N, C-alpha and C. Protein backbone atom coordinates (compact mmCIF):
# COMPACT_ATOMS: atom_id res chain seq x y z
N UNK A 1 -12.21 37.61 -9.31
CA UNK A 1 -12.37 37.02 -8.01
C UNK A 1 -11.49 37.69 -7.05
N UNK A 2 -12.15 37.76 -5.70
CA UNK A 2 -11.36 38.55 -4.53
C UNK A 2 -11.36 37.44 -3.48
N UNK A 3 -10.08 37.50 -2.89
CA UNK A 3 -9.78 36.45 -1.83
C UNK A 3 -10.66 36.99 -0.63
N UNK A 4 -11.44 36.01 -0.02
CA UNK A 4 -12.22 36.38 1.17
C UNK A 4 -11.61 36.06 2.45
N UNK A 5 -10.92 35.05 2.54
CA UNK A 5 -10.16 34.60 3.91
C UNK A 5 -9.06 33.64 3.56
N UNK A 6 -8.19 33.69 4.73
CA UNK A 6 -7.03 32.71 4.89
C UNK A 6 -7.63 31.57 5.83
N UNK A 7 -7.46 30.49 5.31
CA UNK A 7 -8.02 29.34 6.28
C UNK A 7 -6.59 28.49 6.53
N UNK A 8 -6.48 28.42 7.79
CA UNK A 8 -5.19 27.86 8.38
C UNK A 8 -5.41 26.68 9.35
N UNK A 9 -4.58 25.75 9.26
CA UNK A 9 -4.47 24.67 10.23
C UNK A 9 -3.70 25.06 11.56
N UNK A 10 -4.29 24.98 12.72
CA UNK A 10 -3.67 25.28 13.92
C UNK A 10 -2.31 24.54 14.16
N UNK A 11 -2.17 23.45 13.59
CA UNK A 11 -1.07 22.55 13.63
C UNK A 11 0.09 23.12 12.76
N UNK A 12 -0.12 23.98 11.86
CA UNK A 12 0.97 24.43 10.96
C UNK A 12 1.17 23.45 9.66
N UNK A 13 0.03 22.62 9.43
CA UNK A 13 0.12 21.75 8.46
C UNK A 13 0.12 22.33 7.18
N UNK A 14 0.86 21.73 6.16
CA UNK A 14 0.79 22.15 4.69
C UNK A 14 -0.65 21.57 4.32
N UNK A 15 -1.42 22.52 3.66
CA UNK A 15 -2.58 22.11 3.37
C UNK A 15 -2.70 21.60 1.94
N UNK A 16 -3.62 20.79 1.44
CA UNK A 16 -3.54 20.15 0.14
C UNK A 16 -4.93 20.04 -0.49
N UNK A 17 -5.50 18.84 -0.64
CA UNK A 17 -6.66 18.74 -1.49
C UNK A 17 -7.68 19.18 -0.63
N UNK A 18 -8.83 19.79 -1.53
CA UNK A 18 -9.98 20.72 -0.84
C UNK A 18 -11.20 19.96 -1.40
N UNK A 19 -12.20 19.91 -0.57
CA UNK A 19 -13.66 19.65 -0.74
C UNK A 19 -14.46 20.73 -0.30
N UNK A 20 -15.50 21.07 -1.14
CA UNK A 20 -16.35 22.20 -0.66
C UNK A 20 -17.77 21.69 -0.62
N UNK A 21 -18.61 21.93 0.32
CA UNK A 21 -20.11 21.65 0.29
C UNK A 21 -20.84 22.63 1.08
N UNK A 22 -21.69 23.27 0.51
CA UNK A 22 -22.53 24.43 1.11
C UNK A 22 -21.61 25.17 2.10
N UNK A 23 -21.76 25.17 3.38
CA UNK A 23 -21.02 26.12 4.20
C UNK A 23 -19.93 25.55 4.85
N UNK A 24 -19.37 24.37 4.32
CA UNK A 24 -18.12 23.75 4.86
C UNK A 24 -17.19 23.35 3.89
N UNK A 25 -15.82 23.24 4.40
CA UNK A 25 -14.66 23.05 3.65
C UNK A 25 -13.98 22.06 4.20
N UNK A 26 -13.52 20.99 3.53
CA UNK A 26 -12.68 19.97 4.02
C UNK A 26 -11.37 19.99 3.41
N UNK A 27 -10.17 20.02 4.08
CA UNK A 27 -8.93 20.15 3.51
C UNK A 27 -7.93 19.22 4.06
N UNK A 28 -7.26 18.38 3.15
CA UNK A 28 -6.42 17.41 3.54
C UNK A 28 -5.02 18.27 3.91
N UNK A 29 -4.23 17.82 5.08
CA UNK A 29 -3.03 18.35 5.36
C UNK A 29 -2.05 17.49 5.88
N UNK A 30 -0.74 17.86 5.92
CA UNK A 30 0.08 16.88 6.28
C UNK A 30 1.23 17.61 7.32
N UNK A 31 1.59 17.01 8.45
CA UNK A 31 2.46 17.37 9.34
C UNK A 31 3.61 16.37 9.58
N UNK A 32 4.65 16.64 10.38
CA UNK A 32 5.58 15.67 10.65
C UNK A 32 5.13 14.61 11.35
N UNK A 33 3.92 14.66 12.10
CA UNK A 33 3.36 13.60 12.76
C UNK A 33 2.36 12.88 11.97
N UNK A 34 1.97 13.06 10.82
CA UNK A 34 1.25 12.31 9.82
C UNK A 34 0.12 13.29 9.15
N UNK A 35 -0.76 12.73 8.48
CA UNK A 35 -1.76 13.40 7.72
C UNK A 35 -3.08 13.59 8.51
N UNK A 36 -3.86 14.63 8.20
CA UNK A 36 -5.06 14.85 8.87
C UNK A 36 -6.01 15.67 7.97
N UNK A 37 -7.18 15.71 8.30
CA UNK A 37 -8.22 16.58 7.41
C UNK A 37 -8.86 17.64 8.44
N UNK A 38 -8.74 18.78 7.75
CA UNK A 38 -9.34 20.01 8.56
C UNK A 38 -10.67 20.50 7.93
N UNK A 39 -11.70 20.59 8.79
CA UNK A 39 -12.99 20.94 8.47
C UNK A 39 -13.08 22.41 8.96
N UNK A 40 -13.52 23.34 8.01
CA UNK A 40 -13.75 24.60 8.26
C UNK A 40 -15.27 25.03 7.96
N UNK A 41 -15.99 25.51 9.08
CA UNK A 41 -17.41 25.67 8.84
C UNK A 41 -17.55 27.31 8.76
N UNK A 42 -18.35 27.79 7.81
CA UNK A 42 -18.61 29.12 7.61
C UNK A 42 -19.22 29.85 8.81
N UNK A 43 -18.70 30.75 9.49
CA UNK A 43 -19.26 31.54 10.54
C UNK A 43 -20.44 32.26 10.12
N UNK A 44 -21.44 32.48 11.06
CA UNK A 44 -22.63 33.23 10.77
C UNK A 44 -22.39 34.58 10.15
N UNK A 45 -21.26 35.13 10.47
CA UNK A 45 -20.86 36.51 10.00
C UNK A 45 -20.08 36.37 8.70
N UNK A 46 -20.11 35.18 8.05
CA UNK A 46 -19.29 35.04 6.83
C UNK A 46 -18.01 34.65 6.83
N UNK A 47 -17.22 34.17 5.72
CA UNK A 47 -15.90 33.87 5.81
C UNK A 47 -14.94 34.84 6.18
N UNK A 48 -14.01 34.53 7.15
CA UNK A 48 -12.99 35.48 7.50
C UNK A 48 -11.78 34.56 7.88
N UNK A 49 -10.58 35.36 8.00
CA UNK A 49 -9.35 34.52 8.50
C UNK A 49 -9.69 33.58 9.77
N UNK A 50 -9.34 32.51 9.67
CA UNK A 50 -9.73 31.44 10.78
C UNK A 50 -8.84 30.14 10.77
N UNK A 51 -8.96 29.53 11.85
CA UNK A 51 -8.36 28.37 11.96
C UNK A 51 -9.45 27.10 11.93
N UNK A 52 -9.18 26.01 11.82
CA UNK A 52 -10.23 24.98 11.53
C UNK A 52 -11.25 24.85 12.65
N UNK A 53 -12.40 24.32 12.27
CA UNK A 53 -13.43 23.99 13.42
C UNK A 53 -13.17 22.71 13.99
N UNK A 54 -12.73 21.89 13.02
CA UNK A 54 -12.41 20.33 13.64
C UNK A 54 -11.29 19.83 12.79
N UNK A 55 -10.67 18.85 13.40
CA UNK A 55 -9.66 18.09 12.78
C UNK A 55 -9.95 16.67 12.82
N UNK A 56 -9.86 16.01 11.68
CA UNK A 56 -10.31 14.46 11.52
C UNK A 56 -9.06 13.61 11.20
N UNK A 57 -8.93 12.59 12.09
CA UNK A 57 -7.86 11.48 11.78
C UNK A 57 -8.40 10.28 11.94
N UNK A 58 -7.76 9.12 11.61
CA UNK A 58 -8.18 7.81 11.63
C UNK A 58 -7.70 7.20 12.95
N UNK A 59 -8.49 6.60 13.62
CA UNK A 59 -8.09 5.87 14.97
C UNK A 59 -7.06 4.80 14.66
N UNK A 60 -7.21 4.09 13.45
CA UNK A 60 -6.29 3.00 13.05
C UNK A 60 -5.31 3.49 11.96
N UNK A 61 -5.04 4.85 11.80
CA UNK A 61 -4.29 5.31 10.73
C UNK A 61 -2.86 5.18 11.22
N UNK A 62 -1.92 5.31 10.31
CA UNK A 62 -0.54 5.26 10.41
C UNK A 62 0.06 6.51 9.66
N UNK A 63 1.32 6.75 10.07
CA UNK A 63 1.78 8.11 9.62
C UNK A 63 1.88 8.31 8.13
N UNK A 64 2.19 7.30 7.42
CA UNK A 64 2.57 7.44 5.94
C UNK A 64 1.31 6.75 5.13
N UNK A 65 0.16 6.61 5.58
CA UNK A 65 -0.99 6.10 4.92
C UNK A 65 -1.56 6.94 3.84
N UNK A 66 -1.14 8.12 3.52
CA UNK A 66 -1.62 9.05 2.66
C UNK A 66 -3.06 9.68 3.01
N UNK A 67 -3.36 9.51 4.22
CA UNK A 67 -4.73 10.13 4.69
C UNK A 67 -4.73 11.59 4.27
N UNK A 68 -5.83 11.82 3.43
CA UNK A 68 -5.88 13.26 3.13
C UNK A 68 -6.66 13.64 1.77
N UNK A 69 -6.90 12.68 1.06
CA UNK A 69 -7.59 12.89 -0.15
C UNK A 69 -9.15 13.08 0.32
N UNK A 70 -9.93 14.10 -0.14
CA UNK A 70 -11.27 14.36 0.60
C UNK A 70 -12.19 14.56 -0.40
N UNK A 71 -13.53 14.28 0.04
CA UNK A 71 -14.77 14.45 -0.60
C UNK A 71 -15.60 14.93 0.56
N UNK A 72 -16.48 15.90 0.28
CA UNK A 72 -17.36 16.41 1.35
C UNK A 72 -18.82 16.68 0.56
N UNK A 73 -19.83 16.24 1.22
CA UNK A 73 -21.32 16.59 0.78
C UNK A 73 -22.18 16.42 1.89
N UNK A 74 -22.68 17.69 2.13
CA UNK A 74 -23.68 17.87 3.18
C UNK A 74 -22.84 17.64 4.60
N UNK A 75 -23.46 16.68 5.29
CA UNK A 75 -22.66 16.41 6.69
C UNK A 75 -21.85 15.10 6.59
N UNK A 76 -21.39 14.82 5.37
CA UNK A 76 -20.53 13.63 5.16
C UNK A 76 -19.11 14.13 4.66
N UNK A 77 -17.97 13.73 5.39
CA UNK A 77 -16.64 13.78 4.80
C UNK A 77 -16.20 12.42 4.58
N UNK A 78 -15.59 12.19 3.36
CA UNK A 78 -14.96 10.92 3.16
C UNK A 78 -13.53 11.29 2.79
N UNK A 79 -12.57 10.41 3.39
CA UNK A 79 -11.00 10.66 3.52
C UNK A 79 -10.38 9.56 2.89
N UNK A 80 -9.61 9.61 2.00
CA UNK A 80 -8.81 8.40 1.29
C UNK A 80 -7.51 8.40 2.02
N UNK A 81 -7.10 7.20 2.13
CA UNK A 81 -5.79 6.78 2.66
C UNK A 81 -5.19 5.77 1.70
N UNK A 82 -4.73 6.11 0.58
CA UNK A 82 -4.38 5.12 -0.49
C UNK A 82 -3.12 4.24 -0.19
N UNK A 83 -2.29 4.72 0.81
CA UNK A 83 -1.24 3.96 1.08
C UNK A 83 -1.41 3.10 2.25
N UNK A 84 -2.49 2.87 2.92
CA UNK A 84 -2.78 2.05 3.94
C UNK A 84 -2.75 0.64 3.49
N UNK A 85 -2.46 -0.34 4.33
CA UNK A 85 -2.29 -1.70 4.13
C UNK A 85 -1.49 -2.13 2.90
N UNK A 86 -0.26 -1.61 2.92
CA UNK A 86 0.70 -1.95 1.58
C UNK A 86 0.16 -1.34 0.50
N UNK A 87 -0.31 -0.12 0.55
CA UNK A 87 -1.01 0.57 -0.55
C UNK A 87 -2.20 -0.22 -1.33
N UNK A 88 -2.81 -0.91 -0.47
CA UNK A 88 -4.15 -1.34 -0.98
C UNK A 88 -5.19 -0.34 -0.90
N UNK A 89 -5.17 0.48 0.17
CA UNK A 89 -5.84 1.78 0.29
C UNK A 89 -7.19 1.52 1.02
N UNK A 90 -7.68 2.68 1.63
CA UNK A 90 -9.02 2.51 2.19
C UNK A 90 -9.73 4.03 2.23
N UNK A 91 -10.83 3.90 2.53
CA UNK A 91 -11.45 5.38 2.50
C UNK A 91 -12.26 5.30 3.93
N UNK A 92 -12.14 6.42 4.75
CA UNK A 92 -12.87 6.67 6.04
C UNK A 92 -14.05 7.54 5.67
N UNK A 93 -15.21 7.22 6.25
CA UNK A 93 -16.45 8.18 6.17
C UNK A 93 -16.58 8.67 7.65
N UNK A 94 -16.68 10.05 7.62
CA UNK A 94 -16.93 10.74 8.95
C UNK A 94 -18.26 11.44 8.67
N UNK A 95 -19.22 11.43 9.78
CA UNK A 95 -20.51 12.16 9.68
C UNK A 95 -20.57 13.11 10.82
N UNK A 96 -20.98 14.32 10.28
CA UNK A 96 -21.06 15.45 11.25
C UNK A 96 -21.97 15.19 12.49
N UNK A 97 -21.53 15.32 13.67
CA UNK A 97 -22.49 15.03 14.87
C UNK A 97 -23.60 16.14 14.83
N UNK A 98 -24.68 15.83 15.47
CA UNK A 98 -25.73 16.70 15.68
C UNK A 98 -25.37 18.08 16.24
N UNK A 99 -24.47 18.20 17.03
CA UNK A 99 -24.05 19.49 17.62
C UNK A 99 -22.76 20.13 16.87
N UNK A 100 -22.57 19.51 15.63
CA UNK A 100 -21.53 20.37 14.74
C UNK A 100 -20.31 19.49 14.72
N UNK A 101 -19.30 19.80 13.77
CA UNK A 101 -18.23 19.25 13.66
C UNK A 101 -17.23 19.41 14.67
N UNK A 102 -16.51 18.49 15.37
CA UNK A 102 -15.62 18.44 16.54
C UNK A 102 -14.36 17.54 16.08
N UNK A 103 -13.41 17.93 16.68
CA UNK A 103 -11.92 17.07 16.41
C UNK A 103 -12.16 15.64 16.74
N UNK A 104 -11.93 14.59 15.89
CA UNK A 104 -12.22 13.34 16.32
C UNK A 104 -11.33 12.49 15.47
N UNK A 105 -11.03 11.08 16.08
CA UNK A 105 -10.49 10.13 15.32
C UNK A 105 -11.40 8.98 15.01
N UNK A 106 -12.62 9.11 15.46
CA UNK A 106 -13.73 8.21 15.20
C UNK A 106 -14.47 8.25 13.94
N UNK A 107 -14.37 7.37 13.15
CA UNK A 107 -15.00 7.31 11.99
C UNK A 107 -16.21 6.62 11.83
N UNK A 108 -17.16 6.80 11.00
CA UNK A 108 -18.58 6.05 10.80
C UNK A 108 -18.41 4.67 10.14
N UNK A 109 -17.49 4.62 9.01
CA UNK A 109 -17.26 3.46 8.26
C UNK A 109 -15.92 3.59 7.63
N UNK A 110 -15.40 2.45 7.30
CA UNK A 110 -14.13 2.27 6.57
C UNK A 110 -14.47 1.28 5.26
N UNK A 111 -14.02 1.84 4.23
CA UNK A 111 -14.40 1.24 2.82
C UNK A 111 -13.15 0.74 2.27
N UNK A 112 -13.20 -0.50 1.72
CA UNK A 112 -12.18 -0.99 0.97
C UNK A 112 -12.91 -1.42 -0.44
N UNK A 113 -12.00 -1.36 -1.47
CA UNK A 113 -12.46 -1.82 -2.82
C UNK A 113 -12.74 -3.37 -3.03
N UNK A 114 -13.64 -3.79 -3.62
CA UNK A 114 -13.65 -5.20 -4.10
C UNK A 114 -12.55 -5.49 -5.20
N UNK A 115 -11.76 -6.53 -5.01
CA UNK A 115 -10.84 -6.86 -5.83
C UNK A 115 -9.52 -6.10 -5.83
N UNK A 116 -9.45 -5.08 -4.91
CA UNK A 116 -8.20 -4.21 -4.93
C UNK A 116 -7.16 -5.06 -4.34
N UNK A 117 -5.82 -4.83 -4.80
CA UNK A 117 -4.79 -5.58 -4.20
C UNK A 117 -3.67 -4.65 -3.79
N UNK A 118 -2.72 -5.13 -3.17
CA UNK A 118 -1.55 -4.32 -2.75
C UNK A 118 -1.05 -3.59 -3.77
N UNK A 119 -0.75 -2.20 -3.60
CA UNK A 119 -0.19 -1.33 -4.60
C UNK A 119 -1.28 -0.52 -5.49
N UNK A 120 -2.49 -0.88 -5.46
CA UNK A 120 -3.55 -0.27 -6.19
C UNK A 120 -4.05 1.21 -5.84
N UNK A 121 -3.60 1.51 -4.46
CA UNK A 121 -3.85 2.88 -3.95
C UNK A 121 -5.18 3.34 -4.17
N UNK A 122 -6.23 2.26 -3.65
CA UNK A 122 -7.63 2.64 -3.53
C UNK A 122 -7.91 3.88 -2.77
N UNK A 123 -8.75 4.75 -3.20
CA UNK A 123 -9.09 5.91 -2.58
C UNK A 123 -8.00 7.03 -2.68
N UNK A 124 -7.24 6.93 -3.69
CA UNK A 124 -6.32 8.07 -3.93
C UNK A 124 -7.02 9.28 -4.45
N UNK A 125 -8.16 9.05 -5.16
CA UNK A 125 -8.86 9.97 -5.81
C UNK A 125 -10.41 9.82 -5.60
N UNK A 126 -11.11 10.79 -5.35
CA UNK A 126 -12.52 10.64 -5.08
C UNK A 126 -13.35 11.92 -5.49
N UNK A 127 -14.62 11.51 -5.43
CA UNK A 127 -15.61 12.52 -5.68
C UNK A 127 -16.88 12.14 -4.95
N UNK A 128 -17.44 13.14 -4.12
CA UNK A 128 -18.65 12.83 -3.45
C UNK A 128 -19.75 13.75 -3.74
N UNK A 129 -20.79 13.31 -4.23
CA UNK A 129 -21.93 14.32 -4.71
C UNK A 129 -23.16 13.73 -4.08
N UNK A 130 -23.83 14.32 -3.09
CA UNK A 130 -24.99 13.83 -2.53
C UNK A 130 -24.82 12.39 -1.93
N UNK A 131 -25.48 11.52 -2.59
CA UNK A 131 -25.45 9.97 -2.02
C UNK A 131 -24.62 9.28 -3.05
N UNK A 132 -23.87 9.69 -3.90
CA UNK A 132 -22.93 9.00 -4.81
C UNK A 132 -21.45 9.41 -4.49
N UNK A 133 -20.76 8.27 -4.32
CA UNK A 133 -19.23 8.40 -4.03
C UNK A 133 -18.49 7.61 -4.94
N UNK A 134 -17.53 8.11 -5.64
CA UNK A 134 -16.69 7.55 -6.54
C UNK A 134 -15.35 7.52 -6.03
N UNK A 135 -14.73 6.41 -6.04
CA UNK A 135 -13.31 6.14 -5.38
C UNK A 135 -12.44 5.69 -6.66
N UNK A 136 -11.33 6.09 -6.80
CA UNK A 136 -10.43 5.72 -7.74
C UNK A 136 -9.18 4.91 -6.99
N UNK A 137 -8.74 3.96 -7.93
CA UNK A 137 -7.48 3.29 -7.54
C UNK A 137 -6.62 3.48 -8.88
N UNK A 138 -5.82 4.52 -8.69
CA UNK A 138 -5.19 4.89 -10.02
C UNK A 138 -4.22 3.80 -10.59
N UNK A 139 -3.60 2.93 -9.86
CA UNK A 139 -2.86 1.95 -10.45
C UNK A 139 -3.59 0.77 -10.71
N UNK A 140 -4.89 0.72 -10.55
CA UNK A 140 -5.75 -0.27 -11.05
C UNK A 140 -5.58 -1.76 -10.58
N UNK A 141 -6.70 -2.63 -11.09
CA UNK A 141 -6.48 -4.03 -10.77
C UNK A 141 -5.53 -4.61 -11.76
N UNK A 142 -4.40 -5.14 -11.44
CA UNK A 142 -3.53 -5.65 -12.38
C UNK A 142 -3.97 -6.37 -13.53
N UNK A 143 -5.07 -7.19 -13.36
CA UNK A 143 -5.67 -8.01 -14.46
C UNK A 143 -6.39 -7.18 -15.58
N UNK A 144 -6.49 -5.85 -15.29
CA UNK A 144 -7.32 -5.07 -16.10
C UNK A 144 -6.44 -3.97 -16.82
N UNK A 145 -6.75 -3.63 -18.03
CA UNK A 145 -5.98 -2.66 -18.74
C UNK A 145 -6.00 -1.14 -18.15
N UNK A 146 -6.86 -0.83 -17.52
CA UNK A 146 -7.02 0.60 -17.15
C UNK A 146 -7.21 0.81 -15.55
N UNK A 147 -6.97 1.96 -15.04
CA UNK A 147 -7.23 2.05 -13.67
C UNK A 147 -8.60 1.81 -13.17
N UNK A 148 -8.79 1.39 -11.96
CA UNK A 148 -10.31 0.82 -11.44
C UNK A 148 -10.89 2.04 -10.86
N UNK A 149 -12.21 1.94 -10.71
CA UNK A 149 -13.03 2.95 -10.02
C UNK A 149 -14.07 2.10 -9.32
N UNK A 150 -14.44 2.61 -8.09
CA UNK A 150 -15.56 1.98 -7.30
C UNK A 150 -16.57 3.05 -7.25
N UNK A 151 -17.79 2.61 -7.53
CA UNK A 151 -18.97 3.48 -7.40
C UNK A 151 -19.83 3.07 -6.14
N UNK A 152 -20.27 3.92 -5.39
CA UNK A 152 -21.12 3.50 -4.34
C UNK A 152 -22.17 4.50 -3.97
N UNK A 153 -23.18 4.07 -3.19
CA UNK A 153 -24.23 5.05 -2.70
C UNK A 153 -24.56 4.60 -1.26
N UNK A 154 -24.87 5.87 -0.45
CA UNK A 154 -25.17 5.40 0.94
C UNK A 154 -26.72 5.17 1.22
N UNK A 155 -27.39 4.86 0.15
CA UNK A 155 -28.66 4.46 0.22
C UNK A 155 -28.91 3.02 -0.07
N UNK A 156 -29.31 2.04 0.85
CA UNK A 156 -29.27 0.77 0.75
C UNK A 156 -30.13 0.16 -0.59
N UNK A 157 -31.25 0.89 -0.85
CA UNK A 157 -31.85 0.49 -2.07
C UNK A 157 -31.26 0.89 -3.34
N UNK A 158 -30.25 1.63 -3.44
CA UNK A 158 -29.56 2.02 -4.54
C UNK A 158 -28.10 1.79 -4.42
N UNK A 159 -27.76 0.79 -3.53
CA UNK A 159 -26.25 0.62 -3.49
C UNK A 159 -25.68 -0.10 -4.56
N UNK A 160 -24.55 0.56 -5.01
CA UNK A 160 -23.84 0.00 -6.11
C UNK A 160 -22.45 -0.20 -5.83
N UNK A 161 -21.76 -1.40 -5.83
CA UNK A 161 -20.32 -1.55 -5.81
C UNK A 161 -20.00 -2.24 -6.90
N UNK A 162 -18.98 -1.52 -7.47
CA UNK A 162 -18.46 -2.28 -8.68
C UNK A 162 -16.95 -1.93 -9.05
N UNK A 163 -16.20 -2.83 -9.33
CA UNK A 163 -14.70 -2.49 -9.75
C UNK A 163 -14.63 -2.77 -11.19
N UNK A 164 -13.91 -1.88 -12.02
CA UNK A 164 -13.68 -2.06 -13.34
C UNK A 164 -12.29 -2.54 -13.73
């Protein structure tokens, strides 16, 4: 395997978790001002050294909410903030505008797990594939012996929400 490009955040953020979908990459990053997600879109000429196409933040986010676990599929990016709300955790859904990714703090939806309590760190881990989103709460629901997981679908006829 050969390196094709260096992808960098213009803010100088330390980049972390990565999600890849078709011709877009979403990467969580942290700076002294808080956490952000950077979206890189493959140029028509192919991947090359570049800075982000867009930067995503949560309009209601706070510095130490852990915003940065990412999942991307098609035109949807989901970002976890596991330390939000006393580590109850939340996930933010961003949908690509018709004219392409732009820097924004406006999210399309905010997700919270059913039965999740303070300290569960909901949305610390995730996977997004097409219309199926799996969000993990690694510290679990205290009444259960194992960490909890929430499954969901963005199609109303197949919506599934379940905490284990």
